[in-house]
Protein backbone atom coordinates (compact mmCIF):
# COMPACT_ATOMS: atom_id res chain seq x y z
CA MET A 1 -71.61 -1.07 -42.96
CA ALA A 2 -68.20 -0.34 -42.37
CA GLN A 3 -65.99 -3.44 -41.02
CA GLY A 4 -62.48 -4.68 -40.62
CA ALA A 5 -60.90 -7.35 -41.69
CA ALA A 6 -62.43 -9.69 -39.02
CA ASN A 7 -65.66 -8.50 -39.43
CA VAL A 8 -66.18 -5.84 -36.73
CA ASP A 9 -68.82 -3.95 -37.38
CA PHE A 10 -67.16 -0.20 -36.63
CA GLU A 11 -70.37 1.74 -36.49
CA ARG A 12 -71.52 -0.44 -33.95
CA LEU A 13 -68.40 -0.63 -32.33
CA THR A 14 -68.38 3.16 -32.29
CA PHE A 15 -72.01 3.79 -30.53
CA VAL A 16 -71.07 1.12 -27.93
CA MET A 17 -67.70 2.51 -27.25
CA ARG A 18 -68.82 6.06 -26.87
CA ARG A 19 -71.67 5.28 -24.71
CA LEU A 20 -69.77 3.29 -22.27
CA ALA A 21 -66.97 6.13 -22.03
CA LEU A 22 -69.81 8.38 -21.20
CA GLU A 23 -71.54 6.24 -18.66
CA ALA A 24 -68.09 5.26 -16.82
CA GLY A 25 -67.54 9.46 -17.04
CA GLU A 26 -70.47 9.81 -15.32
CA ARG A 27 -69.82 7.57 -12.55
CA ILE A 28 -66.32 8.96 -12.29
CA LEU A 29 -67.91 12.78 -11.80
CA GLU A 30 -69.61 11.20 -9.01
CA ILE A 31 -66.66 10.07 -6.85
CA TYR A 32 -64.78 12.90 -8.12
CA ASN A 33 -66.99 15.49 -6.51
CA ALA A 34 -68.11 13.70 -3.62
CA PRO A 35 -66.48 15.29 -0.50
CA ASP A 36 -63.80 12.53 -0.20
CA PHE A 37 -62.99 9.40 -1.90
CA GLU A 38 -60.38 6.59 -0.86
CA VAL A 39 -57.23 6.54 -2.60
CA ARG A 40 -54.95 3.54 -2.17
CA GLN A 41 -51.38 2.80 -2.97
CA LYS A 42 -51.01 -0.28 -5.37
CA GLY A 43 -48.00 -2.60 -5.44
CA ASP A 44 -45.92 -0.05 -7.55
CA ALA A 45 -47.17 2.87 -5.78
CA SER A 46 -49.01 4.45 -7.77
CA PRO A 47 -52.72 5.48 -6.83
CA VAL A 48 -55.60 3.88 -7.44
CA THR A 49 -59.60 5.16 -6.26
CA GLU A 50 -62.63 3.56 -6.32
CA ALA A 51 -63.30 5.81 -9.56
CA ASP A 52 -60.89 3.35 -11.17
CA GLU A 53 -62.17 0.28 -10.30
CA ALA A 54 -65.97 1.54 -10.79
CA ALA A 55 -65.53 2.60 -14.20
CA ASP A 56 -63.62 -0.44 -15.13
CA ALA A 57 -66.33 -2.63 -13.90
CA LEU A 58 -68.95 -0.71 -16.46
CA ILE A 59 -66.74 -0.85 -19.45
CA SER A 60 -65.50 -4.18 -19.04
CA ALA A 61 -69.06 -5.49 -18.50
CA GLY A 62 -70.55 -3.50 -21.66
CA LEU A 63 -67.90 -4.51 -23.95
CA ALA A 64 -67.99 -8.06 -22.67
CA GLU A 65 -71.75 -8.20 -23.52
CA ALA A 66 -72.13 -6.24 -26.88
CA PHE A 67 -68.38 -7.95 -28.42
CA PRO A 68 -68.16 -11.81 -26.58
CA ASP A 69 -66.09 -12.95 -29.21
CA LEU A 70 -63.43 -10.00 -28.47
CA THR A 71 -60.58 -10.21 -26.00
CA ILE A 72 -60.54 -7.72 -23.68
CA VAL A 73 -57.45 -5.95 -21.95
CA THR A 74 -57.72 -3.65 -19.48
CA GLU A 75 -55.42 -1.79 -16.67
CA GLU A 76 -57.54 -2.94 -13.55
CA GLN A 77 -57.47 -6.31 -14.33
CA ALA A 78 -53.72 -8.11 -14.01
CA GLU A 79 -55.00 -11.60 -15.11
CA THR A 80 -55.73 -10.31 -18.91
CA HIS A 81 -52.01 -8.48 -18.72
CA ALA A 82 -50.72 -12.41 -20.14
CA LEU A 83 -53.62 -12.46 -23.14
CA ASN A 84 -52.17 -12.81 -26.41
CA ALA A 85 -54.63 -11.80 -29.80
CA ASP A 86 -54.55 -10.79 -32.93
CA ARG A 87 -57.57 -8.31 -32.43
CA PHE A 88 -58.71 -7.24 -28.94
CA LEU A 89 -60.32 -4.23 -26.95
CA ILE A 90 -58.18 -2.39 -24.35
CA VAL A 91 -58.97 -0.33 -21.79
CA ASP A 92 -57.75 2.42 -19.50
CA PRO A 93 -60.78 3.02 -17.46
CA LEU A 94 -58.88 6.66 -15.57
CA ASP A 95 -56.25 7.59 -17.15
CA GLY A 96 -54.56 10.10 -14.89
CA THR A 97 -55.27 8.85 -11.83
CA LYS A 98 -52.81 11.28 -10.46
CA GLU A 99 -54.79 14.41 -11.71
CA PHE A 100 -58.20 12.64 -10.65
CA VAL A 101 -56.58 12.78 -7.02
CA GLN A 102 -55.15 16.17 -6.98
CA ARG A 103 -58.56 17.32 -8.67
CA ARG A 104 -57.08 18.86 -11.60
CA GLY A 105 -59.37 17.38 -14.21
CA ASP A 106 -56.83 16.16 -16.75
CA PHE A 107 -58.43 12.40 -16.44
CA THR A 108 -59.66 10.61 -19.45
CA VAL A 109 -61.51 7.57 -20.00
CA ASN A 110 -59.93 4.93 -22.78
CA ILE A 111 -61.18 2.35 -24.79
CA ALA A 112 -59.42 1.28 -28.14
CA TYR A 113 -59.71 -1.54 -30.73
CA VAL A 114 -56.60 -3.19 -32.00
CA GLU A 115 -56.13 -5.23 -35.03
CA ASN A 116 -53.00 -6.63 -36.28
CA GLY A 117 -50.65 -4.54 -34.26
CA VAL A 118 -52.77 -1.16 -35.10
CA PRO A 119 -54.94 0.48 -33.27
CA LEU A 120 -57.94 0.82 -35.76
CA ARG A 121 -60.82 2.68 -33.48
CA GLY A 122 -61.09 4.61 -29.99
CA VAL A 123 -62.41 7.10 -27.60
CA VAL A 124 -60.82 9.53 -25.31
CA TYR A 125 -63.39 11.20 -22.75
CA ALA A 126 -62.08 13.83 -20.37
CA PRO A 127 -65.48 14.26 -18.51
CA ALA A 128 -64.19 17.34 -15.88
CA LYS A 129 -63.25 19.01 -19.21
CA ASP A 130 -66.04 17.96 -21.30
CA ARG A 131 -63.91 16.76 -24.14
CA LEU A 132 -64.78 13.93 -26.26
CA PHE A 133 -62.92 12.78 -29.16
CA TYR A 134 -63.52 9.10 -30.97
CA THR A 135 -63.20 7.67 -34.17
CA LEU A 136 -65.86 7.20 -36.27
CA GLY A 137 -67.32 3.95 -38.05
CA ASP A 138 -65.27 4.93 -41.10
CA GLY A 139 -62.02 5.65 -39.13
CA ARG A 140 -62.25 9.54 -39.11
CA SER A 141 -61.83 11.40 -36.08
CA VAL A 142 -64.00 13.70 -34.53
CA GLU A 143 -64.79 15.97 -31.16
CA GLU A 144 -68.23 15.56 -30.18
CA LYS A 145 -69.25 18.94 -28.55
CA MET A 146 -71.54 19.58 -25.70
CA PRO A 147 -74.15 18.32 -24.57
CA PHE A 148 -73.64 14.56 -24.47
CA THR A 149 -76.64 12.21 -24.75
CA LYS A 150 -75.82 8.62 -24.30
CA GLU A 151 -77.72 7.15 -27.31
CA LYS A 152 -77.44 9.86 -29.41
CA PRO A 153 -74.16 11.83 -30.59
CA GLY A 154 -74.44 15.67 -30.84
CA GLN A 155 -72.75 18.02 -33.10
CA LEU A 156 -69.69 16.32 -34.57
CA ALA A 157 -67.02 18.68 -35.33
CA SER A 158 -63.70 16.86 -37.88
CA ILE A 159 -60.58 17.03 -36.52
CA ALA A 160 -57.30 17.19 -38.32
CA VAL A 161 -53.50 17.92 -37.35
CA SER A 162 -52.14 21.11 -38.28
CA MET A 163 -50.05 22.29 -40.87
CA PRO A 164 -46.90 22.87 -38.85
CA ASP A 165 -44.32 25.84 -39.02
CA ASN A 166 -40.98 24.22 -38.02
CA ARG A 167 -39.92 27.56 -37.22
CA ALA A 168 -42.30 27.96 -34.42
CA LEU A 169 -43.83 24.67 -33.16
CA MET A 170 -46.50 23.98 -30.53
CA VAL A 171 -45.43 21.14 -28.51
CA VAL A 172 -47.31 19.63 -25.63
CA ALA A 173 -45.87 17.41 -23.16
CA SER A 174 -46.58 15.57 -19.46
CA LYS A 175 -48.05 17.60 -16.35
CA SER A 176 -46.76 15.05 -14.02
CA HIS A 177 -43.86 13.22 -15.73
CA ARG A 178 -42.09 15.75 -17.41
CA ASP A 179 -38.20 15.20 -16.91
CA ALA A 180 -34.67 16.88 -18.10
CA ALA A 181 -34.59 14.45 -21.03
CA THR A 182 -37.85 15.57 -22.17
CA ASP A 183 -36.61 19.16 -21.47
CA GLU A 184 -33.42 18.66 -23.36
CA TYR A 185 -35.00 16.67 -26.78
CA ILE A 186 -37.94 19.44 -26.88
CA ALA A 187 -34.74 22.15 -27.19
CA ARG A 188 -33.57 20.65 -30.01
CA TYR A 189 -36.79 22.30 -31.87
CA SER A 190 -38.26 25.79 -32.46
CA VAL A 191 -40.77 25.85 -30.24
CA ARG A 192 -43.57 28.96 -30.31
CA ASP A 193 -45.62 27.38 -27.61
CA LEU A 194 -45.02 24.68 -25.06
CA THR A 195 -48.19 23.13 -23.02
CA SER A 196 -48.19 20.74 -20.12
CA ALA A 197 -51.51 18.54 -19.85
CA GLY A 198 -51.82 15.23 -18.37
CA SER A 199 -53.43 12.10 -19.51
CA SER A 200 -54.08 10.88 -23.27
CA LEU A 201 -55.55 14.33 -23.67
CA LYS A 202 -52.03 14.92 -25.27
CA PHE A 203 -52.64 12.58 -28.16
CA CYS A 204 -56.07 15.06 -29.36
CA LEU A 205 -54.43 17.87 -28.99
CA VAL A 206 -52.29 16.79 -31.63
CA ALA A 207 -54.61 15.45 -33.47
CA ALA A 208 -57.11 18.49 -33.02
CA GLY A 209 -54.36 21.01 -34.09
CA GLU A 210 -53.91 22.19 -30.99
CA ALA A 211 -50.51 21.01 -30.82
CA ASP A 212 -47.82 19.64 -33.49
CA LEU A 213 -45.63 17.59 -31.02
CA TYR A 214 -45.85 15.05 -28.46
CA PRO A 215 -42.34 13.44 -27.33
CA ARG A 216 -42.78 10.84 -24.35
CA LEU A 217 -39.42 9.98 -22.83
CA GLY A 218 -40.62 7.66 -20.09
CA ARG A 219 -42.68 4.25 -19.66
CA THR A 220 -46.01 4.16 -20.62
CA MET A 221 -48.53 0.66 -21.18
CA GLU A 222 -50.23 0.25 -24.75
CA TRP A 223 -53.75 0.98 -22.24
CA ASP A 224 -52.41 4.29 -21.85
CA THR A 225 -51.85 5.36 -25.58
CA ALA A 226 -54.27 2.89 -27.74
CA ALA A 227 -57.43 5.05 -28.01
CA GLY A 228 -55.45 8.41 -28.04
CA ASP A 229 -53.58 7.10 -31.20
CA ALA A 230 -55.81 5.73 -32.82
CA ILE A 231 -57.77 9.09 -32.58
CA LEU A 232 -54.28 10.69 -33.69
CA ARG A 233 -53.70 8.50 -37.11
CA GLY A 234 -57.72 8.91 -37.83
CA ALA A 235 -56.68 12.82 -37.19
CA GLY A 236 -53.83 12.27 -40.18
CA GLY A 237 -51.17 12.11 -37.65
CA SER A 238 -48.42 9.56 -36.74
CA MET A 239 -46.64 8.12 -33.80
CA VAL A 240 -43.50 6.51 -34.04
CA ARG A 241 -41.14 4.76 -31.51
CA PHE A 242 -38.40 7.26 -30.35
CA GLU A 243 -35.38 5.92 -30.82
CA ASP A 244 -35.42 4.44 -34.44
CA HIS A 245 -38.95 6.22 -35.93
CA GLY A 246 -39.84 2.84 -36.38
CA PRO A 247 -43.61 1.74 -36.61
CA PHE A 248 -45.22 1.74 -33.09
CA VAL A 249 -47.43 -1.39 -32.56
CA TYR A 250 -49.66 -3.18 -30.16
CA GLY A 251 -50.03 -6.28 -28.68
CA LYS A 252 -46.23 -6.55 -27.51
CA PRO A 253 -45.69 -9.18 -24.43
CA GLY A 254 -46.83 -7.46 -21.34
CA PHE A 255 -48.06 -4.59 -23.04
CA ALA A 256 -45.25 -2.22 -22.09
CA ASN A 257 -44.35 0.75 -24.68
CA PRO A 258 -41.06 1.88 -25.83
CA PHE A 259 -40.78 5.11 -25.62
CA PHE A 260 -42.46 7.46 -28.27
CA ILE A 261 -42.89 10.44 -30.65
CA ALA A 262 -46.49 11.55 -31.74
CA TYR A 263 -46.84 14.26 -34.50
CA SER A 264 -47.98 16.12 -36.88
CA PRO A 265 -46.46 14.53 -40.09
CA GLY A 266 -45.30 18.07 -41.28
CA VAL A 267 -42.79 17.95 -38.09
CA LEU A 268 -39.39 17.51 -38.93
CA LEU A 269 -38.48 15.31 -36.35
CA SER A 270 -34.60 15.27 -34.66
CA LYS A 271 -32.85 12.46 -35.78
CA THR A 272 -30.31 12.62 -32.76
CA HIS A 273 -31.80 10.75 -29.82
CA LEU A 274 -31.28 10.52 -26.43
CA PRO A 275 -29.79 7.71 -24.33
CA ASP A 276 -32.78 5.26 -23.10
CA PRO A 277 -32.25 5.31 -19.23
CA ALA A 278 -32.88 1.89 -18.92
CA ASP A 279 -29.92 1.19 -20.74
CA GLU A 280 -27.57 2.66 -18.50
CA ASP A 281 -28.46 0.48 -15.58
CA GLU A 282 -29.56 -2.83 -17.14
CA ASP A 283 -29.72 -4.62 -13.62
CA MET A 284 -32.52 -2.69 -12.64
CA ASP A 285 -35.79 -4.56 -13.64
CA ALA A 286 -38.88 -2.47 -14.24
CA PRO A 287 -41.93 -3.30 -11.79
CA GLU A 288 -44.53 -5.93 -12.66
CA THR A 289 -47.81 -4.29 -13.91
CA GLN A 290 -50.07 -4.56 -11.22
CA PRO A 291 -53.98 -4.55 -11.10
CA GLY A 292 -54.40 -1.03 -12.40
CA SER A 293 -50.84 -0.25 -12.32
CA GLU A 294 -50.76 3.20 -14.17
CA TRP A 295 -47.77 4.54 -15.98
CA GLU A 296 -49.15 7.66 -16.19
CA PHE A 297 -48.00 10.28 -18.51
């Protein structure tokens, strides 16, 4: 039985997170495939749909029942954003709401377990893409192939980051939030292929060796990144802070992230950094996190 320092049964955790992700994905697709669905604007002007809320309710209830002693932080419940714990579950029930609303398919269900600042286990499910990634009980990352059944895993394929050619890198960047600063940073590398993708799928593409480098020069929240980060680490990849290449940790006050770089360790990272736009206007406060506030990336 694989267990963490806090005696979490990782085999059971994997089973529960996977099942809940599949159940949430099923509910999300029911709404996604309907003729129409309601889209509302939250306080920070980002969209929220009934799919976000239905998936959150399902996952939160399932995690609370299975792991009553673990703190649960979820994007859709603002009261959890003030919590503080050394070990916790963190949920983004529908990452990529803009992709969902525009029916582009690049949205994901994300559940992760964090212990002492490190995302140890995670699941990322892209229901419209039929792609399911997660960490096993021993921490290794896999992609499960179709068909998916809730009670028993199907065919599993181990995944690992690439052995990159720094003269011809494969880069993945945000589909909805790519900007001039990101393009300038990417231009510092010799790039063979540049792919745009939505949601946490970008982490999984690096983890599976389908991309070498994913830079994010924009604000995200920990629920956006924890599950993908766990899968990346389980595949041999790394994620560091953009400004100093220092360790990327979780459980920060408010759960806001700095800029970051996710990559295969063979990539020779540029050591010259762009200025942080936040430093250029210190008088502008970031918006407060709203229930379901989504800093999509």
